[in-house]
Amino acid sequence: MVPFATPRLPLVADVWKRLRALLALALLVTAPARADDWPQWMGPGRDNEWREDGLLDRFPAGGPEVLWRTPIAGGYAGPAVAGGRVFVTDYVTADDVKVANFDRKASTGTERVLCLDEKTGKVLWKHEYPVTYTISYPAGPRCTPVVDGDRVYTLGAEGDLLCLDAADGRVVWARDLKKDYSTKTALWGYASHPLVDGDRLICVVGTAVAHAAAFDKGTGKELWRVGTAPEQGYSPPTIIEHAGVRQLLFMKPDGIYAVVPETGAVLWEAAYGADNGSIIMAPVKVGEHLFVGGFQDKNLLLKLRGDTPGAETVWRNKKQHGLSAVNVQPFVADGHVYGFHEKGDLRVVAIPSGEIVWTGGGPFGDRPKGSATAFIVRQPGAAGSDHRYWLFAETGDLVIARLSPAGYEELDRAHLLEPTNTAFGREVVWCPPAYANRAIVVRNDKEIIRVSLAAPR
């Protein structure tokens, strides 16, 4: 037996090595791909990043597969996807005559919160309440629901703030922000997406009594209030970290300010001047700078202090610089701000100079129209060149593209939904989508659909 022992040992070792390699390959092949929910405005990180893998590179012939369609009523609110469910709000009008966008005649109807099964689109529950609209663009609610554990939070266009049980739609607590803060609804309604931070639900609430407030997310009890404003504005609360401190930012038509998220104590303030009270975008942080763009070149660049919370103005209202965001929250990448300007062109802006690096129609071709809208989401890659962008355009098209300081490159597009609303004499769909579990969930004023974006197997 001894003569055979020596030659057999390398053979066994070789076989074992091959088995280990095969086992590693099998684990690699069978390892679950990353999938995520989309539980709030701009996704899980509130940053418009879609971090899933296993996504298609090009649309199949005939377009991507529509997994389900469910009827829905009017609204601009995007859906939230969490825990195998889709949450969305809409408005069912009781009036026979449709109110024009800029006509603030009273319109009576019902706002609804709908919960759908993510896999089938079946309505699992709905909560509804009567409401009277006195706002411009009265199609329906604006704010994406916020799902946090077993609760879902919604904010209606006239200030109805609700906390519902995500399982059955039971009302846990509710507030009427107009009544509680002795204010009126802004021209375009309550449109500032609430933010969950720890045990707090943070909202823009009003004007003279308080501009913003934090509520105990479990009970609805007010924890703190801060600020006053000539008008509410529409800018969502945003948290950044700088100088080693978490800073909660609020924009209002006459200024920007930062507070301590836990207490509402003011950290710093800076002056601003919005045209027609219209501050819409949330401030975006680019390194040590904050950029804000409003109508008619009412832009602002601040430099944040590095040693302690604070900010100083670098420039304000710089003509032919920056961008004026309307419907689309700008995106930050590569030290630049990407977004749609009020004139409808897609811009890339260098920070801190504010210089427009390039501008063009993007998904709308050579002749963009005013307030052209395409919601931008980035799919990060392993390297900068691997980043892809998904743009859901007001035409109902979903576009796959690359964006960089060098320009816009369209890779593919597919038509998903028909525009059912009107603005500036054209048909549009102005509803931000949700990207979750290798699919897009998006709605117009007639239906909400779920479309597969999974790579072919």
Protein backbone atom coordinates (compact mmCIF):
# COMPACT_ATOMS: atom_id res chain seq x y z
CA MET A 1 0.00 0.00 0.00
CA VAL A 2 2.86 2.39 0.64
CA PRO A 3 3.84 2.79 -3.05
CA PHE A 4 0.32 4.00 -3.90
CA ALA A 5 -0.03 6.53 -1.07
CA THR A 6 2.24 9.25 -2.47
CA PRO A 7 0.67 9.57 -5.94
CA ARG A 8 -2.91 9.58 -4.56
CA LEU A 9 -2.47 12.61 -2.25
CA PRO A 10 -2.07 15.18 -5.04
CA LEU A 11 -5.06 13.66 -6.82
CA VAL A 12 -7.30 14.06 -3.77
CA ALA A 13 -6.05 17.60 -3.23
CA ASP A 14 -6.75 18.48 -6.84
CA VAL A 15 -10.27 17.07 -6.67
CA TRP A 16 -10.98 18.95 -3.46
CA LYS A 17 -9.67 22.16 -5.02
CA ARG A 18 -12.01 21.72 -7.97
CA LEU A 19 -14.95 20.95 -5.68
CA ARG A 20 -14.29 24.12 -3.71
CA ALA A 21 -14.17 26.15 -6.92
CA LEU A 22 -17.45 24.63 -8.10
CA LEU A 23 -19.04 25.29 -4.71
CA ALA A 24 -17.93 28.94 -4.80
CA LEU A 25 -19.34 29.29 -8.29
CA ALA A 26 -22.64 27.75 -7.21
CA LEU A 27 -22.88 30.14 -4.27
CA LEU A 28 -22.16 33.06 -6.56
CA VAL A 29 -24.83 32.00 -9.03
CA THR A 30 -27.47 31.23 -6.40
CA ALA A 31 -26.74 34.19 -4.09
CA PRO A 32 -29.81 36.39 -3.89
CA ALA A 33 -29.55 39.61 -5.87
CA ARG A 34 -30.07 42.85 -4.00
CA ALA A 35 -33.64 44.12 -3.91
CA ASP A 36 -35.04 47.10 -2.05
CA ASP A 37 -38.28 48.81 -1.14
CA TRP A 38 -39.07 52.45 -1.94
CA PRO A 39 -40.78 53.59 1.28
CA GLN A 40 -40.82 57.38 0.75
CA TRP A 41 -40.18 60.29 -1.57
CA MET A 42 -36.89 59.75 -3.44
CA GLY A 43 -36.44 56.22 -2.10
CA PRO A 44 -34.99 54.54 0.98
CA GLY A 45 -32.11 57.01 1.34
CA ARG A 46 -34.24 60.00 0.26
CA ASP A 47 -31.56 60.57 -2.38
CA ASN A 48 -33.04 59.22 -5.66
CA GLU A 49 -30.58 56.32 -5.72
CA TRP A 50 -31.83 52.92 -6.92
CA ARG A 51 -29.34 50.44 -5.47
CA GLU A 52 -30.78 47.17 -6.73
CA ASP A 53 -29.02 44.84 -9.16
CA GLY A 54 -30.37 42.35 -11.68
CA LEU A 55 -31.91 45.11 -13.81
CA LEU A 56 -32.32 45.12 -17.56
CA ASP A 57 -29.93 47.13 -19.76
CA ARG A 58 -32.33 47.57 -22.67
CA PHE A 59 -36.08 47.21 -22.97
CA PRO A 60 -37.35 44.05 -24.67
CA ALA A 61 -39.02 44.27 -28.05
CA GLY A 62 -42.58 45.38 -27.49
CA GLY A 63 -41.67 47.08 -24.20
CA PRO A 64 -41.28 45.83 -20.62
CA GLU A 65 -43.87 43.54 -19.06
CA VAL A 66 -46.76 45.26 -17.28
CA LEU A 67 -47.35 43.13 -14.18
CA TRP A 68 -50.67 44.74 -13.23
CA ARG A 69 -52.92 47.76 -13.69
CA THR A 70 -55.28 49.13 -11.05
CA PRO A 71 -57.76 52.01 -11.47
CA ILE A 72 -56.99 55.18 -9.54
CA ALA A 73 -58.25 58.76 -9.37
CA GLY A 74 -56.44 62.10 -9.65
CA GLY A 75 -53.25 63.24 -8.02
CA TYR A 76 -49.59 64.15 -8.34
CA ALA A 77 -48.46 62.03 -5.37
CA GLY A 78 -46.01 59.27 -6.12
CA PRO A 79 -46.39 55.77 -4.65
CA ALA A 80 -44.41 54.26 -1.79
CA VAL A 81 -43.53 50.55 -1.78
CA ALA A 82 -42.74 48.66 1.42
CA GLY A 83 -43.36 45.25 2.93
CA GLY A 84 -45.01 43.80 -0.15
CA ARG A 85 -47.50 46.67 -0.39
CA VAL A 86 -47.97 49.82 -2.45
CA PHE A 87 -49.33 52.96 -0.79
CA VAL A 88 -50.66 55.89 -2.82
CA THR A 89 -53.08 58.79 -2.40
CA ASP A 90 -55.64 60.24 -4.80
CA TYR A 91 -58.61 62.60 -5.05
CA VAL A 92 -62.09 61.69 -6.25
CA THR A 93 -63.94 64.86 -7.16
CA ALA A 94 -67.65 65.20 -6.49
CA ASP A 95 -68.01 68.00 -9.04
CA ASP A 96 -69.23 67.50 -12.57
CA VAL A 97 -67.17 70.44 -13.87
CA LYS A 98 -63.41 70.10 -13.92
CA VAL A 99 -61.63 73.05 -12.31
CA ALA A 100 -58.90 74.58 -14.48
CA ASN A 101 -55.34 74.55 -13.18
CA PHE A 102 -55.11 78.26 -12.36
CA ASP A 103 -58.74 78.69 -11.29
CA ARG A 104 -58.96 78.43 -7.49
CA LYS A 105 -62.68 77.73 -7.35
CA ALA A 106 -63.76 75.45 -4.54
CA SER A 107 -63.88 71.78 -5.51
CA THR A 108 -65.45 69.22 -3.20
CA GLY A 109 -64.53 65.58 -3.15
CA THR A 110 -62.76 62.80 -1.29
CA GLU A 111 -59.07 62.23 -0.68
CA ARG A 112 -58.14 58.58 -0.37
CA VAL A 113 -55.21 56.54 0.88
CA LEU A 114 -55.00 53.25 -1.02
CA CYS A 115 -53.03 50.16 -0.05
CA LEU A 116 -52.40 47.64 -2.84
CA ASP A 117 -50.81 44.24 -2.94
CA GLU A 118 -47.41 44.72 -4.59
CA LYS A 119 -47.56 41.47 -6.56
CA THR A 120 -51.15 41.65 -7.82
CA GLY A 121 -52.28 45.29 -7.60
CA LYS A 122 -55.35 44.24 -5.62
CA VAL A 123 -56.68 46.95 -3.28
CA LEU A 124 -56.22 45.61 0.25
CA TRP A 125 -57.71 48.59 2.06
CA LYS A 126 -58.53 52.25 1.60
CA HIS A 127 -59.06 55.16 3.93
CA GLU A 128 -61.01 58.16 2.68
CA TYR A 129 -62.19 61.51 4.01
CA PRO A 130 -64.07 64.52 2.57
CA VAL A 131 -62.10 67.57 1.54
CA THR A 132 -62.66 70.86 -0.24
CA TYR A 133 -59.90 72.06 -2.55
CA THR A 134 -59.20 75.76 -3.04
CA ILE A 135 -55.79 75.30 -4.66
CA SER A 136 -54.25 75.78 -8.06
CA TYR A 137 -53.67 72.57 -10.03
CA PRO A 138 -56.42 70.75 -8.08
CA ALA A 139 -55.89 67.25 -9.51
CA GLY A 140 -55.14 65.71 -6.11
CA PRO A 141 -52.56 65.17 -3.34
CA ARG A 142 -48.91 66.00 -3.93
CA CYS A 143 -46.95 64.18 -1.22
CA THR A 144 -45.64 60.63 -1.45
CA PRO A 145 -46.67 58.53 1.57
CA VAL A 146 -43.96 57.74 4.13
CA VAL A 147 -43.86 54.13 5.35
CA ASP A 148 -42.06 53.54 8.63
CA GLY A 149 -42.36 50.05 10.09
CA ASP A 150 -46.04 49.27 10.67
CA ARG A 151 -47.19 52.86 10.09
CA VAL A 152 -47.83 54.92 6.97
CA TYR A 153 -47.96 58.72 7.05
CA THR A 154 -49.77 60.81 4.44
CA LEU A 155 -50.23 64.54 3.88
CA GLY A 156 -53.16 65.71 1.77
CA ALA A 157 -53.21 68.76 -0.47
CA GLU A 158 -55.26 70.75 2.07
CA GLY A 159 -53.14 69.84 5.10
CA ASP A 160 -54.75 66.63 6.39
CA LEU A 161 -51.86 64.82 8.11
CA LEU A 162 -52.58 61.16 8.90
CA CYS A 163 -50.85 58.27 10.63
CA LEU A 164 -52.42 54.97 9.57
CA ASP A 165 -51.82 51.36 10.48
CA ALA A 166 -50.11 49.92 7.41
CA ALA A 167 -51.81 46.55 7.88
CA ASP A 168 -55.45 47.65 7.81
CA GLY A 169 -55.65 51.43 7.30
CA ARG A 170 -56.86 52.16 10.82
CA VAL A 171 -56.31 55.79 11.83
CA VAL A 172 -53.72 55.94 14.61
CA TRP A 173 -53.75 59.73 14.79
CA ALA A 174 -54.64 62.69 12.58
CA ARG A 175 -54.05 66.42 12.41
CA ASP A 176 -55.55 69.29 10.42
CA LEU A 177 -52.49 71.49 9.85
CA LYS A 178 -54.49 74.48 8.62
CA LYS A 179 -56.58 74.47 11.78
CA ASP A 180 -53.79 73.58 14.21
CA TYR A 181 -51.49 76.32 12.90
CA SER A 182 -54.07 78.97 11.96
CA THR A 183 -52.89 79.15 8.39
CA LYS A 184 -54.18 78.85 4.87
CA THR A 185 -53.20 76.42 2.18
CA ALA A 186 -50.45 77.60 -0.14
CA LEU A 187 -51.31 78.34 -3.78
CA TRP A 188 -50.28 74.86 -4.93
CA GLY A 189 -51.37 73.06 -1.79
CA TYR A 190 -49.38 71.23 0.86
CA ALA A 191 -46.55 69.73 -1.20
CA SER A 192 -43.62 69.42 1.21
CA HIS A 193 -43.01 65.70 1.74
CA PRO A 194 -42.91 64.81 5.48
CA LEU A 195 -39.72 63.31 6.90
CA VAL A 196 -39.35 60.57 9.53
CA ASP A 197 -36.27 61.03 11.71
CA GLY A 198 -35.96 58.73 14.70
CA ASP A 199 -39.13 59.06 16.76
CA ARG A 200 -40.14 62.27 14.97
CA LEU A 201 -42.30 63.08 11.97
CA ILE A 202 -41.15 66.45 10.62
CA CYS A 203 -43.38 68.67 8.47
CA VAL A 204 -43.71 72.14 7.03
CA VAL A 205 -46.94 73.25 8.69
CA GLY A 206 -47.78 76.91 8.19
CA THR A 207 -46.81 80.58 8.29
CA ALA A 208 -47.34 83.01 11.19
CA VAL A 209 -47.80 80.53 14.06
CA ALA A 210 -45.02 78.18 12.93
CA HIS A 211 -43.32 77.34 9.68
CA ALA A 212 -42.30 73.80 10.66
CA ALA A 213 -42.95 71.32 13.43
CA ALA A 214 -41.95 67.89 14.67
CA PHE A 215 -44.50 65.40 15.97
CA ASP A 216 -44.13 62.25 17.98
CA LYS A 217 -44.60 59.75 15.17
CA GLY A 218 -46.44 57.35 17.47
CA THR A 219 -48.98 59.75 18.99
CA GLY A 220 -49.03 62.88 16.84
CA LYS A 221 -48.14 65.07 19.82
CA GLU A 222 -46.19 68.16 18.85
CA LEU A 223 -42.60 67.96 20.09
CA TRP A 224 -41.36 71.32 18.84
CA ARG A 225 -42.19 74.10 16.42
CA VAL A 226 -39.95 76.63 14.73
CA GLY A 227 -39.93 79.69 12.51
CA THR A 228 -42.42 81.89 10.75
CA ALA A 229 -42.78 82.62 7.06
CA PRO A 230 -44.76 84.93 4.77
CA GLU A 231 -45.84 81.78 2.89
CA GLN A 232 -45.17 78.11 3.47
CA GLY A 233 -43.33 77.26 0.30
CA TYR A 234 -43.12 73.69 -0.95
CA SER A 235 -39.58 72.63 -0.07
CA PRO A 236 -39.34 69.31 1.84
CA PRO A 237 -37.36 69.13 5.11
CA THR A 238 -33.86 67.77 4.51
CA ILE A 239 -31.14 66.51 6.87
CA ILE A 240 -27.45 66.93 6.12
CA GLU A 241 -24.37 66.26 8.21
CA HIS A 242 -21.60 68.85 8.27
CA ALA A 243 -19.09 70.10 10.83
CA GLY A 244 -19.76 66.85 12.67
CA VAL A 245 -23.38 67.87 13.29
CA ARG A 246 -26.70 66.68 11.88
CA GLN A 247 -28.50 69.74 10.55
CA LEU A 248 -32.18 69.81 9.59
CA LEU A 249 -32.76 72.27 6.75
CA PHE A 250 -35.91 74.21 5.93
CA MET A 251 -36.49 76.53 2.99
CA LYS A 252 -39.10 79.27 3.02
CA PRO A 253 -39.81 82.08 0.55
CA ASP A 254 -37.70 84.57 2.52
CA GLY A 255 -34.90 82.38 3.83
CA ILE A 256 -33.19 79.11 4.63
CA TYR A 257 -32.44 77.92 8.14
CA ALA A 258 -31.00 74.90 9.93
CA VAL A 259 -32.16 73.45 13.25
CA VAL A 260 -31.21 70.65 15.61
CA PRO A 261 -33.45 67.73 14.54
CA GLU A 262 -34.09 66.60 18.11
CA THR A 263 -35.12 69.97 19.56
CA GLY A 264 -35.82 72.44 16.76
CA ALA A 265 -33.17 74.84 18.14
CA VAL A 266 -31.99 77.13 15.34
CA LEU A 267 -28.37 76.60 14.27
CA TRP A 268 -28.10 79.25 11.56
CA GLU A 269 -30.15 81.27 9.07
CA ALA A 270 -29.56 82.94 5.70
CA ALA A 271 -31.70 85.33 3.68
CA TYR A 272 -33.41 84.33 0.43
CA GLY A 273 -36.08 85.83 -1.81
CA ALA A 274 -38.38 83.53 -3.78
CA ASP A 275 -40.47 84.75 -6.68
CA ASN A 276 -44.23 84.44 -6.00
CA GLY A 277 -43.52 82.53 -2.78
CA SER A 278 -42.39 79.58 -4.87
CA ILE A 279 -39.54 77.74 -3.26
CA ILE A 280 -39.96 74.14 -4.35
CA MET A 281 -36.73 72.14 -4.37
CA ALA A 282 -34.98 70.90 -1.26
CA PRO A 283 -31.47 72.35 -0.83
CA VAL A 284 -28.75 70.11 -2.28
CA LYS A 285 -25.33 69.69 -0.69
CA VAL A 286 -22.28 69.64 -2.95
CA GLY A 287 -19.19 69.20 -0.80
CA GLU A 288 -19.08 72.18 1.53
CA HIS A 289 -21.73 74.10 -0.41
CA LEU A 290 -25.54 74.24 -0.44
CA PHE A 291 -27.39 75.18 -3.61
CA VAL A 292 -30.99 76.35 -3.98
CA GLY A 293 -32.69 77.37 -7.21
CA GLY A 294 -36.08 79.08 -7.49
CA PHE A 295 -38.10 80.79 -10.21
CA GLN A 296 -36.66 83.59 -12.34
CA ASP A 297 -33.01 82.98 -11.39
CA LYS A 298 -33.74 83.36 -7.69
CA ASN A 299 -30.81 81.12 -6.86
CA LEU A 300 -28.56 80.91 -3.84
CA LEU A 301 -25.22 79.32 -3.03
CA LEU A 302 -24.05 79.03 0.57
CA LYS A 303 -20.72 77.83 1.94
CA LEU A 304 -21.03 75.79 5.10
CA ARG A 305 -18.64 76.38 7.96
CA GLY A 306 -16.39 73.44 8.66
CA ASP A 307 -15.71 73.96 12.36
CA THR A 308 -19.21 74.67 13.66
CA PRO A 309 -22.72 74.89 12.18
CA GLY A 310 -23.07 78.00 10.07
CA ALA A 311 -23.23 79.27 6.50
CA GLU A 312 -22.23 82.32 4.49
CA THR A 313 -23.60 83.48 1.16
CA VAL A 314 -21.30 82.95 -1.82
CA TRP A 315 -23.69 84.33 -4.43
CA ARG A 316 -27.38 85.08 -4.82
CA ASN A 317 -29.60 85.57 -7.91
CA LYS A 318 -26.72 85.05 -10.32
CA LYS A 319 -28.03 85.59 -13.84
CA GLN A 320 -27.55 82.81 -16.40
CA HIS A 321 -26.13 80.52 -13.75
CA GLY A 322 -27.55 77.64 -11.77
CA LEU A 323 -31.00 76.27 -12.50
CA SER A 324 -34.54 77.00 -11.38
CA ALA A 325 -36.13 73.71 -10.34
CA VAL A 326 -39.89 73.31 -10.67
CA ASN A 327 -41.25 69.74 -10.54
CA VAL A 328 -38.03 67.74 -10.36
CA GLN A 329 -35.64 67.59 -7.41
CA PRO A 330 -32.12 68.14 -8.80
CA PHE A 331 -29.52 65.41 -8.48
CA VAL A 332 -25.92 65.80 -7.27
CA ALA A 333 -23.06 63.79 -8.79
CA ASP A 334 -19.46 64.44 -9.82
CA GLY A 335 -19.44 67.79 -8.03
CA HIS A 336 -22.25 68.98 -10.29
CA VAL A 337 -26.00 69.58 -9.99
CA TYR A 338 -28.18 67.91 -12.64
CA GLY A 339 -31.76 69.03 -13.11
CA PHE A 340 -34.53 70.49 -15.22
CA HIS A 341 -34.67 74.26 -15.43
CA GLU A 342 -38.00 76.11 -15.43
CA LYS A 343 -37.67 76.68 -19.19
CA GLY A 344 -37.68 72.91 -19.68
CA ASP A 345 -34.03 72.30 -20.51
CA LEU A 346 -31.90 69.70 -18.74
CA ARG A 347 -28.85 71.36 -17.18
CA VAL A 348 -25.60 70.38 -15.55
CA VAL A 349 -24.30 73.08 -13.23
CA ALA A 350 -20.80 73.27 -11.76
CA ILE A 351 -20.52 74.11 -8.07
CA PRO A 352 -19.34 76.48 -6.64
CA SER A 353 -19.14 78.63 -9.78
CA GLY A 354 -22.77 78.04 -10.80
CA GLU A 355 -21.63 77.85 -14.42
CA ILE A 356 -23.93 75.94 -16.77
CA VAL A 357 -21.61 73.23 -18.10
CA TRP A 358 -24.13 72.07 -20.67
CA THR A 359 -27.81 72.36 -21.38
CA GLY A 360 -30.17 70.59 -23.76
CA GLY A 361 -33.52 68.93 -24.19
CA GLY A 362 -32.46 65.60 -22.72
CA PRO A 363 -35.35 63.16 -23.21
CA PHE A 364 -37.44 65.91 -24.86
CA GLY A 365 -35.20 66.46 -27.87
CA ASP A 366 -34.09 69.79 -29.27
CA ARG A 367 -37.13 71.84 -28.31
CA PRO A 368 -38.03 71.43 -24.62
CA LYS A 369 -41.16 73.17 -23.36
CA GLY A 370 -41.64 75.23 -20.21
CA SER A 371 -41.66 73.21 -16.96
CA ALA A 372 -40.77 70.04 -18.90
CA THR A 373 -40.59 67.29 -16.31
CA ALA A 374 -38.65 64.04 -16.09
CA PHE A 375 -38.01 62.54 -12.67
CA ILE A 376 -34.34 61.54 -12.35
CA VAL A 377 -33.13 58.45 -10.46
CA ARG A 378 -29.58 57.10 -10.52
CA GLN A 379 -28.60 53.44 -10.58
CA PRO A 380 -25.06 53.45 -9.17
CA GLY A 381 -22.45 51.23 -10.77
CA ALA A 382 -19.09 49.92 -9.62
CA ALA A 383 -17.36 52.94 -11.16
CA GLY A 384 -18.42 56.39 -12.29
CA SER A 385 -18.71 55.28 -15.89
CA ASP A 386 -21.12 52.53 -14.87
CA HIS A 387 -23.78 54.85 -13.47
CA ARG A 388 -27.09 54.75 -15.31
CA TYR A 389 -30.03 57.07 -14.94
CA TRP A 390 -33.72 56.30 -15.16
CA LEU A 391 -35.88 59.24 -16.21
CA PHE A 392 -39.66 59.01 -16.12
CA ALA A 393 -40.83 61.76 -18.45
CA GLU A 394 -44.08 63.71 -18.50
CA THR A 395 -44.85 62.01 -21.84
CA GLY A 396 -45.28 58.71 -19.99
CA ASP A 397 -41.96 57.41 -21.34
CA LEU A 398 -39.35 55.69 -19.19
CA VAL A 399 -35.85 56.50 -20.44
CA ILE A 400 -32.55 54.81 -19.65
CA ALA A 401 -29.68 57.25 -20.06
CA ARG A 402 -26.20 58.26 -19.02
CA LEU A 403 -25.58 61.69 -17.56
CA SER A 404 -22.17 63.24 -16.99
CA PRO A 405 -20.52 66.65 -17.16
CA ALA A 406 -19.90 65.76 -20.81
CA GLY A 407 -23.57 65.52 -21.70
CA TYR A 408 -26.67 63.36 -22.05
CA GLU A 409 -26.66 59.96 -23.77
CA GLU A 410 -29.97 58.18 -24.25
CA LEU A 411 -29.68 54.39 -24.21
CA ASP A 412 -33.29 53.30 -24.61
CA ARG A 413 -36.88 54.27 -23.88
CA ALA A 414 -40.31 52.66 -23.50
CA HIS A 415 -43.79 54.15 -23.27
CA LEU A 416 -45.54 53.15 -20.01
CA LEU A 417 -48.50 55.47 -19.39
CA GLU A 418 -50.70 57.94 -21.19
CA PRO A 419 -50.59 61.55 -19.95
CA THR A 420 -53.95 62.33 -18.36
CA ASN A 421 -53.39 65.86 -17.04
CA THR A 422 -52.81 69.16 -18.81
CA ALA A 423 -50.33 71.96 -18.22
CA PHE A 424 -49.29 74.87 -20.42
CA GLY A 425 -51.50 73.62 -23.23
CA ARG A 426 -50.05 70.11 -23.41
CA GLU A 427 -50.85 66.70 -21.93
CA VAL A 428 -48.58 65.60 -19.08
CA VAL A 429 -48.13 63.05 -16.33
CA TRP A 430 -46.37 64.72 -13.40
CA CYS A 431 -46.17 61.89 -10.87
CA PRO A 432 -42.83 60.61 -9.53
CA PRO A 433 -42.47 56.82 -9.72
CA ALA A 434 -41.24 54.30 -7.18
CA TYR A 435 -38.51 51.77 -8.04
CA ALA A 436 -38.64 48.62 -5.95
CA ASN A 437 -37.95 44.91 -6.29
CA ARG A 438 -36.78 45.25 -9.91
CA ALA A 439 -39.91 47.05 -11.04
CA ILE A 440 -41.26 50.55 -11.46
CA VAL A 441 -44.60 51.55 -9.92
CA VAL A 442 -46.06 54.67 -11.45
CA ARG A 443 -49.46 56.32 -11.86
CA ASN A 444 -51.42 58.89 -13.79
CA ASP A 445 -54.94 60.15 -13.00
CA LYS A 446 -56.64 56.96 -14.18
CA GLU A 447 -54.46 53.99 -13.26
CA ILE A 448 -51.45 52.87 -11.31
CA ILE A 449 -49.25 50.20 -12.87
CA ARG A 450 -46.31 48.00 -11.95
CA VAL A 451 -43.83 47.22 -14.72
CA SER A 452 -40.98 44.70 -14.54
CA LEU A 453 -37.46 46.04 -15.05
CA ALA A 454 -35.74 42.76 -14.16
CA ALA A 455 -32.97 41.51 -16.40
CA PRO A 456 -33.89 38.48 -18.56
CA ARG A 457 -32.97 35.18 -16.97
